[in-house]
C-alpha atoms as a PDB file:
ATOM      1  CA  MET A   1     -14.985  17.412  -2.737  1.00  0.00           C
ATOM      2  CA  ILE A   2     -17.486  16.782   0.247  1.00  0.00           C
ATOM      3  CA  GLN A   3     -17.114  19.570   2.611  1.00  0.00           C
ATOM      4  CA  LEU A   4     -17.783  19.512   6.236  1.00  0.00           C
ATOM      5  CA  VAL A   5     -19.219  22.749   7.380  1.00  0.00           C
ATOM      6  CA  SER A   6     -19.599  22.087  11.060  1.00  0.00           C
ATOM      7  CA  CYS A   7     -19.808  18.615  13.488  1.00  0.00           C
ATOM      8  CA  GLY A   8     -20.184  17.853  16.709  1.00  0.00           C
ATOM      9  CA  HIS A   9     -18.760  14.609  19.236  1.00  0.00           C
ATOM     10  CA  ASN A  10     -21.310  13.619  21.598  1.00  0.00           C
ATOM     11  CA  PHE A  11     -22.642  17.366  23.152  1.00  0.00           C
ATOM     12  CA  VAL A  12     -25.013  16.590  26.099  1.00  0.00           C
ATOM     13  CA  HIS A  13     -27.478  18.764  26.742  1.00  0.00           C
ATOM     14  CA  SER A  14     -28.178  19.097  30.002  1.00  0.00           C
ATOM     15  CA  ASP A  15     -31.197  21.002  29.674  1.00  0.00           C
ATOM     16  CA  GLY A  16     -32.929  19.482  26.341  1.00  0.00           C
ATOM     17  CA  ILE A  17     -32.838  20.735  23.095  1.00  0.00           C
ATOM     18  CA  ARG A  18     -34.895  22.039  20.673  1.00  0.00           C
ATOM     19  CA  ILE A  19     -33.871  22.668  16.957  1.00  0.00           C
ATOM     20  CA  ASP A  20     -36.450  24.253  13.816  1.00  0.00           C
ATOM     21  CA  ARG A  21     -34.992  24.099  10.386  1.00  0.00           C
ATOM     22  CA  SER A  22     -38.407  25.458   9.134  1.00  0.00           C
ATOM     23  CA  SER A  23     -36.560  26.382   5.763  1.00  0.00           C
ATOM     24  CA  GLY A  24     -34.391  23.728   6.298  1.00  0.00           C
ATOM     25  CA  ALA A  25     -30.399  24.129   7.226  1.00  0.00           C
ATOM     26  CA  GLY A  26     -28.852  25.315   3.674  1.00  0.00           C
ATOM     27  CA  ASN A  27     -26.480  22.200   3.536  1.00  0.00           C
ATOM     28  CA  TYR A  28     -26.750  18.047   4.585  1.00  0.00           C
ATOM     29  CA  ALA A  29     -27.671  18.187   8.175  1.00  0.00           C
ATOM     30  CA  PHE A  30     -26.572  14.172   9.688  1.00  0.00           C
ATOM     31  CA  VAL A  31     -27.637  13.986  13.210  1.00  0.00           C
ATOM     32  CA  LEU A  32     -27.319  10.661  15.466  1.00  0.00           C
ATOM     33  CA  PHE A  33     -29.544  10.192  17.976  1.00  0.00           C
ATOM     34  CA  ARG A  34     -28.604   8.653  21.497  1.00  0.00           C
ATOM     35  CA  SER A  35     -31.541   9.447  23.074  1.00  0.00           C
ATOM     36  CA  LYS A  36     -35.088   9.310  22.085  1.00  0.00           C
ATOM     37  CA  ALA A  37     -36.208  12.088  20.781  1.00  0.00           C
ATOM     38  CA  GLU A  38     -39.384  14.006  18.485  1.00  0.00           C
ATOM     39  CA  VAL A  39     -39.332  14.592  15.037  1.00  0.00           C
ATOM     40  CA  VAL A  40     -40.545  16.316  12.773  1.00  0.00           C
ATOM     41  CA  ILE A  41     -39.252  16.796   8.750  1.00  0.00           C
ATOM     42  CA  ASP A  42     -41.744  18.685   6.252  1.00  0.00           C
ATOM     43  CA  GLY A  43     -45.442  18.624   8.594  1.00  0.00           C
ATOM     44  CA  SER A  44     -44.762  14.067   9.523  1.00  0.00           C
ATOM     45  CA  ALA A  45     -44.382  13.584  12.943  1.00  0.00           C
ATOM     46  CA  TYR A  46     -42.125  10.489  14.429  1.00  0.00           C
ATOM     47  CA  THR A  47     -40.818   9.623  17.631  1.00  0.00           C
ATOM     48  CA  VAL A  48     -37.093   8.171  17.257  1.00  0.00           C
ATOM     49  CA  ASP A  49     -35.294   6.339  19.836  1.00  0.00           C
ATOM     50  CA  ASN A  50     -32.011   6.142  20.442  1.00  0.00           C
ATOM     51  CA  ASN A  51     -29.091   4.904  17.540  1.00  0.00           C
ATOM     52  CA  ALA A  52     -31.390   5.965  15.292  1.00  0.00           C
ATOM     53  CA  PHE A  53     -30.328   9.408  12.439  1.00  0.00           C
ATOM     54  CA  ILE A  54     -31.510  11.169  10.549  1.00  0.00           C
ATOM     55  CA  LEU A  55     -30.039  12.331   6.777  1.00  0.00           C
ATOM     56  CA  MET A  56     -31.536  15.914   5.706  1.00  0.00           C
ATOM     57  CA  GLN A  57     -31.614  18.085   2.261  1.00  0.00           C
ATOM     58  CA  PRO A  58     -30.896  21.315   2.078  1.00  0.00           C
ATOM     59  CA  SER A  59     -34.366  22.768   1.920  1.00  0.00           C
ATOM     60  CA  THR A  60     -36.281  20.280   3.856  1.00  0.00           C
ATOM     61  CA  PRO A  61     -37.798  21.829   6.930  1.00  0.00           C
ATOM     62  CA  TYR A  62     -37.551  19.774   9.596  1.00  0.00           C
ATOM     63  CA  MET A  63     -37.395  19.891  14.069  1.00  0.00           C
ATOM     64  CA  TYR A  64     -36.178  17.638  16.617  1.00  0.00           C
ATOM     65  CA  ARG A  65     -36.843  18.411  20.679  1.00  0.00           C
ATOM     66  CA  ASP A  66     -35.794  15.898  23.625  1.00  0.00           C
ATOM     67  CA  LEU A  67     -38.261  13.010  24.810  1.00  0.00           C
ATOM     68  CA  GLU A  68     -35.836  12.598  27.443  1.00  0.00           C
ATOM     69  CA  LYS A  69     -33.250  14.339  29.546  1.00  0.00           C
ATOM     70  CA  PRO A  70     -30.254  14.806  29.699  1.00  0.00           C
ATOM     71  CA  PHE A  71     -30.635  15.236  25.457  1.00  0.00           C
ATOM     72  CA  VAL A  72     -27.236  13.152  24.154  1.00  0.00           C
ATOM     73  CA  ASN A  73     -26.276  13.192  20.121  1.00  0.00           C
ATOM     74  CA  ASP A  74     -24.105  13.445  17.131  1.00  0.00           C
ATOM     75  CA  TRP A  75     -23.840  16.165  14.342  1.00  0.00           C
ATOM     76  CA  PHE A  76     -22.163  16.494  11.188  1.00  0.00           C
ATOM     77  CA  HIS A  77     -23.654  19.626   8.176  1.00  0.00           C
ATOM     78  CA  CYS A  78     -21.612  19.763   5.241  1.00  0.00           C
ATOM     79  CA  GLU A  79     -21.977  20.236   1.918  1.00  0.00           C
ATOM     80  CA  GLY A  80     -20.111  20.234  -1.473  1.00  0.00           C
ATOM     81  CA  THR A  81     -21.599  19.660  -5.320  1.00  0.00           C
ATOM     82  CA  GLU A  82     -20.953  15.690  -5.731  1.00  0.00           C
ATOM     83  CA  LEU A  83     -22.864  14.849  -2.821  1.00  0.00           C
ATOM     84  CA  GLY A  84     -26.329  14.857  -4.027  1.00  0.00           C
ATOM     85  CA  ALA A  85     -25.720  12.174  -6.699  1.00  0.00           C
ATOM     86  CA  TYR A  86     -23.047  10.677  -3.996  1.00  0.00           C
ATOM     87  CA  LEU A  87     -26.225  10.275  -1.407  1.00  0.00           C
ATOM     88  CA  GLN A  88     -28.187   9.135  -4.829  1.00  0.00           C
ATOM     89  CA  GLN A  89     -25.864   6.250  -6.172  1.00  0.00           C
ATOM     90  CA  LEU A  90     -25.896   4.907  -2.578  1.00  0.00           C
ATOM     91  CA  LYS A  91     -29.532   5.100  -2.332  1.00  0.00           C
ATOM     92  CA  LEU A  92     -29.398   6.328   1.434  1.00  0.00           C
ATOM     93  CA  PRO A  93     -32.570   7.426   3.027  1.00  0.00           C
ATOM     94  CA  LEU A  94     -33.307  11.261   3.058  1.00  0.00           C
ATOM     95  CA  ASP A  95     -35.139  13.051   4.560  1.00  0.00           C
ATOM     96  CA  ARG A  96     -36.891  10.216   6.828  1.00  0.00           C
ATOM     97  CA  PRO A  97     -35.739   8.437  10.128  1.00  0.00           C
ATOM     98  CA  ALA A  98     -33.699   5.395  10.135  1.00  0.00           C
ATOM     99  CA  GLU A  99     -32.084   2.756  12.028  1.00  0.00           C
ATOM    100  CA  ALA A 100     -28.274   3.353  12.928  1.00  0.00           C
ATOM    101  CA  ALA A 101     -26.582  -0.290  12.533  1.00  0.00           C
ATOM    102  CA  TYR A 102     -23.721   0.247  14.409  1.00  0.00           C
ATOM    103  CA  PRO A 103     -23.959   3.444  15.676  1.00  0.00           C
ATOM    104  CA  THR A 104     -20.945   3.131  18.251  1.00  0.00           C
ATOM    105  CA  SER A 105     -19.086   2.848  14.615  1.00  0.00           C
ATOM    106  CA  VAL A 106     -21.034   6.026  13.482  1.00  0.00           C
ATOM    107  CA  SER A 107     -20.540   7.713  16.749  1.00  0.00           C
ATOM    108  CA  ARG A 108     -16.466   7.227  16.672  1.00  0.00           C
ATOM    109  CA  SER A 109     -15.962   8.385  13.073  1.00  0.00           C
ATOM    110  CA  ILE A 110     -17.956  11.471  14.006  1.00  0.00           C
ATOM    111  CA  MET A 111     -15.148  11.976  16.846  1.00  0.00           C
ATOM    112  CA  GLU A 112     -12.562  11.660  13.676  1.00  0.00           C
ATOM    113  CA  LEU A 113     -13.822  13.793  11.871  1.00  0.00           C
ATOM    114  CA  GLN A 114     -14.550  16.367  14.679  1.00  0.00           C
ATOM    115  CA  ASN A 115     -10.680  15.551  15.520  1.00  0.00           C
ATOM    116  CA  VAL A 116      -9.393  15.827  12.459  1.00  0.00           C
ATOM    117  CA  ASN A 117     -10.679  19.161  11.701  1.00  0.00           C
ATOM    118  CA  TRP A 118      -9.477  20.791  14.728  1.00  0.00           C
ATOM    119  CA  LEU A 119      -6.418  19.464  14.299  1.00  0.00           C
ATOM    120  CA  GLY A 120      -5.564  21.465  10.518  1.00  0.00           C
ATOM    121  CA  GLY A 121      -3.126  20.563   7.651  1.00  0.00           C
ATOM    122  CA  PRO A 122      -2.029  21.197   4.475  1.00  0.00           C
ATOM    123  CA  HIS A 123      -4.443  17.772   3.843  1.00  0.00           C
ATOM    124  CA  ARG A 124      -7.521  17.978   5.990  1.00  0.00           C
ATOM    125  CA  SER A 125     -10.054  18.831   3.633  1.00  0.00           C
ATOM    126  CA  GLU A 126      -8.831  15.850   1.291  1.00  0.00           C
ATOM    127  CA  ILE A 127      -8.694  13.785   4.685  1.00  0.00           C
ATOM    128  CA  ILE A 128     -12.362  14.743   5.557  1.00  0.00           C
ATOM    129  CA  ASP A 129     -13.484  14.215   2.210  1.00  0.00           C
ATOM    130  CA  LEU A 130     -12.592  10.608   2.501  1.00  0.00           C
ATOM    131  CA  ASP A 131     -13.794  10.730   5.839  1.00  0.00           C
ATOM    132  CA  LEU A 132     -17.135  11.937   5.199  1.00  0.00           C
ATOM    133  CA  ARG A 133     -17.517   9.609   2.196  1.00  0.00           C
ATOM    134  CA  SER A 134     -16.423   6.355   4.026  1.00  0.00           C
ATOM    135  CA  LEU A 135     -18.995   6.934   6.352  1.00  0.00           C
ATOM    136  CA  LEU A 136     -22.370   7.707   3.937  1.00  0.00           C
ATOM    137  CA  MET A 137     -20.475   4.371   2.477  1.00  0.00           C
ATOM    138  CA  LYS A 138     -20.497   1.941   5.343  1.00  0.00           C
ATOM    139  CA  LEU A 139     -24.238   3.538   6.164  1.00  0.00           C
ATOM    140  CA  ALA A 140     -25.780   2.825   3.138  1.00  0.00           C
ATOM    141  CA  ASN A 141     -23.549  -0.617   3.339  1.00  0.00           C
ATOM    142  CA  TRP A 142     -24.801  -1.807   6.505  1.00  0.00           C
ATOM    143  CA  ARG A 143     -28.780  -1.594   5.159  1.00  0.00           C
ATOM    144  CA  HIS A 144     -28.027  -4.471   3.097  1.00  0.00           C
ATOM    145  CA  LEU A 145     -26.583  -6.693   5.416  1.00  0.00           C
ATOM    146  CA  PRO A 146     -28.558  -9.771   6.396  1.00  0.00           C
ATOM    147  CA  PRO A 147     -30.483  -9.041   9.359  1.00  0.00           C
ATOM    148  CA  ALA A 148     -29.624 -11.678  12.380  1.00  0.00           C
ATOM    149  CA  GLN A 149     -32.343 -13.566  13.281  1.00  0.00           C
ATOM    150  CA  GLY A 150     -34.102 -14.071  17.142  1.00  0.00           C
ATOM    151  CA  ASN A 151     -31.876 -13.513  20.450  1.00  0.00           C
ATOM    152  CA  ALA A 152     -28.480 -12.824  18.285  1.00  0.00           C
ATOM    153  CA  GLY A 153     -30.352  -9.462  16.525  1.00  0.00           C
ATOM    154  CA  ARG A 154     -30.236  -7.846  19.889  1.00  0.00           C
ATOM    155  CA  TYR A 155     -26.859  -8.492  20.315  1.00  0.00           C
ATOM    156  CA  LEU A 156     -25.562  -7.686  17.195  1.00  0.00           C
ATOM    157  CA  HIS A 157     -24.311  -4.219  17.965  1.00  0.00           C
ATOM    158  CA  GLN A 158     -22.671  -5.416  21.214  1.00  0.00           C
ATOM    159  CA  LEU A 159     -20.590  -8.008  19.647  1.00  0.00           C
ATOM    160  CA  SER A 160     -20.014  -6.926  16.401  1.00  0.00           C
ATOM    161  CA  GLU A 161     -18.653  -3.730  19.002  1.00  0.00           C
ATOM    162  CA  ILE A 162     -16.280  -5.987  20.978  1.00  0.00           C
ATOM    163  CA  ARG A 163     -15.454  -7.877  17.362  1.00  0.00           C
ATOM    164  CA  SER A 164     -14.059  -4.826  16.036  1.00  0.00           C
ATOM    165  CA  GLU A 165     -11.782  -4.120  19.138  1.00  0.00           C
ATOM    166  CA  LEU A 166     -10.221  -7.584  19.460  1.00  0.00           C
ATOM    167  CA  TYR A 167      -9.048  -6.757  15.557  1.00  0.00           C
ATOM    168  CA  ARG A 168      -7.977  -3.012  16.477  1.00  0.00           C
ATOM    169  CA  SER A 169      -6.102  -4.373  20.245  1.00  0.00           C
ATOM    170  CA  PRO A 170      -4.479  -7.426  18.521  1.00  0.00           C
ATOM    171  CA  GLN A 171      -1.926  -7.129  21.559  1.00  0.00           C
ATOM    172  CA  ALA A 172      -4.684  -6.471  24.370  1.00  0.00           C
ATOM    173  CA  SER A 173      -5.740 -10.371  25.939  1.00  0.00           C
ATOM    174  CA  TYR A 174      -8.924 -10.483  26.593  1.00  0.00           C
ATOM    175  CA  SER A 175     -10.861 -13.807  28.934  1.00  0.00           C
ATOM    176  CA  LEU A 176     -13.747 -14.953  27.630  1.00  0.00           C
ATOM    177  CA  SER A 177     -15.497 -14.600  30.657  1.00  0.00           C
ATOM    178  CA  GLU A 178     -14.531 -10.639  30.615  1.00  0.00           C
ATOM    179  CA  LEU A 179     -16.060 -10.254  27.596  1.00  0.00           C
ATOM    180  CA  ALA A 180     -19.476 -11.998  27.797  1.00  0.00           C
ATOM    181  CA  ALA A 181     -19.548 -10.238  31.521  1.00  0.00           C
ATOM    182  CA  SER A 182     -19.076  -7.056  29.420  1.00  0.00           C
ATOM    183  CA  VAL A 183     -22.811  -7.303  27.480  1.00  0.00           C
ATOM    184  CA  ASN A 184     -23.974  -9.167  30.585  1.00  0.00           C
ATOM    185  CA  LEU A 185     -24.184 -12.727  29.644  1.00  0.00           C
ATOM    186  CA  SER A 186     -22.854 -16.152  30.482  1.00  0.00           C
ATOM    187  CA  LYS A 187     -19.714 -17.081  28.968  1.00  0.00           C
ATOM    188  CA  SER A 188     -21.216 -20.410  27.325  1.00  0.00           C
ATOM    189  CA  TYR A 189     -23.955 -18.261  25.535  1.00  0.00           C
ATOM    190  CA  PHE A 190     -21.806 -15.861  24.746  1.00  0.00           C
ATOM    191  CA  GLN A 191     -19.908 -17.535  22.392  1.00  0.00           C
ATOM    192  CA  HIS A 192     -23.180 -19.671  21.379  1.00  0.00           C
ATOM    193  CA  LEU A 193     -24.101 -15.758  20.001  1.00  0.00           C
ATOM    194  CA  TYR A 194     -21.018 -14.991  18.774  1.00  0.00           C
ATOM    195  CA  LYS A 195     -20.740 -18.062  16.567  1.00  0.00           C
ATOM    196  CA  ASP A 196     -24.110 -17.593  15.623  1.00  0.00           C
ATOM    197  CA  LEU A 197     -23.276 -14.377  14.088  1.00  0.00           C
ATOM    198  CA  PHE A 198     -20.035 -14.115  12.557  1.00  0.00           C
ATOM    199  CA  GLY A 199     -20.010 -17.885  11.734  1.00  0.00           C
ATOM    200  CA  CYS A 200     -16.567 -18.333  13.870  1.00  0.00           C
ATOM    201  CA  SER A 201     -15.858 -18.610  17.748  1.00  0.00           C
ATOM    202  CA  VAL A 202     -14.377 -15.747  19.564  1.00  0.00           C
ATOM    203  CA  SER A 203     -10.971 -17.832  20.345  1.00  0.00           C
ATOM    204  CA  SER A 204     -10.387 -18.076  16.409  1.00  0.00           C
ATOM    205  CA  ASP A 205     -11.019 -14.279  15.820  1.00  0.00           C
ATOM    206  CA  MET A 206      -8.336 -13.718  18.554  1.00  0.00           C
ATOM    207  CA  ILE A 207      -5.987 -15.805  17.477  1.00  0.00           C
ATOM    208  CA  ASN A 208      -6.677 -14.610  13.488  1.00  0.00           C
ATOM    209  CA  SER A 209      -6.772 -10.660  14.497  1.00  0.00           C
ATOM    210  CA  ARG A 210      -2.821 -11.773  16.212  1.00  0.00           C
ATOM    211  CA  LEU A 211      -2.201 -13.662  13.475  1.00  0.00           C
ATOM    212  CA  GLU A 212      -2.722 -11.084  10.792  1.00  0.00           C
ATOM    213  CA  TYR A 213      -1.124  -8.310  13.167  1.00  0.00           C
ATOM    214  CA  ALA A 214       2.176 -10.186  13.048  1.00  0.00           C
ATOM    215  CA  LYS A 215       2.139 -10.867   9.368  1.00  0.00           C
ATOM    216  CA  TYR A 216       1.847  -7.211   8.930  1.00  0.00           C
ATOM    217  CA  LEU A 217       4.905  -6.812  10.977  1.00  0.00           C
ATOM    218  CA  LEU A 218       7.048  -9.164   9.545  1.00  0.00           C
ATOM    219  CA  ASP A 219       6.054  -8.381   5.738  1.00  0.00           C
ATOM    220  CA  ASN A 220       6.643  -4.442   6.946  1.00  0.00           C
ATOM    221  CA  SER A 221       9.734  -3.772  10.016  1.00  0.00           C
ATOM    222  CA  SER A 222      12.626  -6.171  11.319  1.00  0.00           C
ATOM    223  CA  LEU A 223      11.848  -6.078  14.392  1.00  0.00           C
ATOM    224  CA  SER A 224      12.669  -9.753  15.919  1.00  0.00           C
ATOM    225  CA  ILE A 225       9.606 -12.684  16.519  1.00  0.00           C
ATOM    226  CA  GLY A 226      10.494 -12.090  20.077  1.00  0.00           C
ATOM    227  CA  SER A 227       8.938  -8.101  19.900  1.00  0.00           C
ATOM    228  CA  ILE A 228       6.513  -9.238  17.475  1.00  0.00           C
ATOM    229  CA  ALA A 229       5.335 -12.006  19.677  1.00  0.00           C
ATOM    230  CA  LYS A 230       5.304  -9.629  22.797  1.00  0.00           C
ATOM    231  CA  MET A 231       3.142  -6.265  20.100  1.00  0.00           C
ATOM    232  CA  CYS A 232       0.469  -9.801  19.553  1.00  0.00           C
ATOM    233  CA  GLY A 233      -0.420 -10.324  23.121  1.00  0.00           C
ATOM    234  CA  TYR A 234       1.416 -13.734  23.148  1.00  0.00           C
ATOM    235  CA  GLU A 235       3.404 -14.034  26.715  1.00  0.00           C
ATOM    236  CA  ASN A 236       6.470 -16.444  25.699  1.00  0.00           C
ATOM    237  CA  GLU A 237       8.013 -16.820  21.450  1.00  0.00           C
ATOM    238  CA  THR A 238       7.566 -20.145  21.576  1.00  0.00           C
ATOM    239  CA  HIS A 239       4.167 -20.063  21.821  1.00  0.00           C
ATOM    240  CA  PHE A 240       3.802 -17.975  19.063  1.00  0.00           C
ATOM    241  CA  MET A 241       5.867 -19.738  16.380  1.00  0.00           C
ATOM    242  CA  ARG A 242       3.986 -22.813  17.239  1.00  0.00           C
ATOM    243  CA  GLN A 243       0.641 -21.075  16.803  1.00  0.00           C
ATOM    244  CA  PHE A 244       1.954 -19.348  13.573  1.00  0.00           C
ATOM    245  CA  LYS A 245       2.719 -22.208  11.645  1.00  0.00           C
ATOM    246  CA  LYS A 246      -0.211 -23.979  12.863  1.00  0.00           C
ATOM    247  CA  PHE A 247      -2.107 -21.326  11.286  1.00  0.00           C
ATOM    248  CA  VAL A 248       0.309 -19.641   8.319  1.00  0.00           C
ATOM    249  CA  SER A 249       1.510 -23.009   7.834  1.00  0.00           C
ATOM    250  CA  ALA A 250       4.858 -21.844   8.210  1.00  0.00           C
ATOM    251  CA  THR A 251       7.083 -20.541  10.915  1.00  0.00           C
ATOM    252  CA  PRO A 252       7.565 -16.424  11.225  1.00  0.00           C
ATOM    253  CA  SER A 253      11.155 -16.339  10.027  1.00  0.00           C
ATOM    254  CA  GLY A 254      10.048 -18.348   6.834  1.00  0.00           C
ATOM    255  CA  TYR A 255       7.286 -16.209   6.734  1.00  0.00           C
ATOM    256  CA  ARG A 256       9.543 -13.001   6.469  1.00  0.00           C
ATOM    257  CA  LYS A 257      11.837 -14.797   3.654  1.00  0.00           C
ATOM    258  CA  ARG A 258       9.328 -15.890   1.872  1.00  0.00           C
ATOM    259  CA  LYS A 259       9.375 -13.047  -0.376  1.00  0.00           C
END
């Protein structure tokens, strides 16, 4: 089992910071830099920008300090007899800076680790073990995704977060203009980049997120069709039923009865 030693989310150091572990941390140390910093690892110096991370082995000497104020970071320390072999299996970069492909997701995962740790409960250790394994596996998986090319690559992080939000909140009502404005793009260019990155239109993802949630509710609740329509962001039941039939090839009632 992997144990969480300590962690911190969105730590703001108004006057800057200097962390010096001349003999290593004694456990595995992860830092997500959200501000520019100087990092020295076993005598090698690096300048890292925000969204870089380091994952240090227990005995590796390292130091980092701010290069801008305020300095903000997310971090955690962990340990476990299985951890070394797990990291070797994942082939994560150790003892050197690397770029976090989806920094907002990493930060959110560390926030969740902190919340679970504070909340406690009889299954806290098991939850933390699974959450740590999941985060480390995601970091490894993202490294093998093909890089986005050209301008699409510049907006990969932001558009990926928008896409995640669409699937997290299928009941929310977003306009294309609002989504484009959130990343300072024109509506047409936003749609073009989104399709280049994900192979589908924004509207398709909006519809799919709502219908997937609707199917989940139909499978796992006794809610009325009207209630499910509202929970999935539809203003009226008729529109929901028509769209469900078009894309699922069954009415909501027929889908529910198929079992």
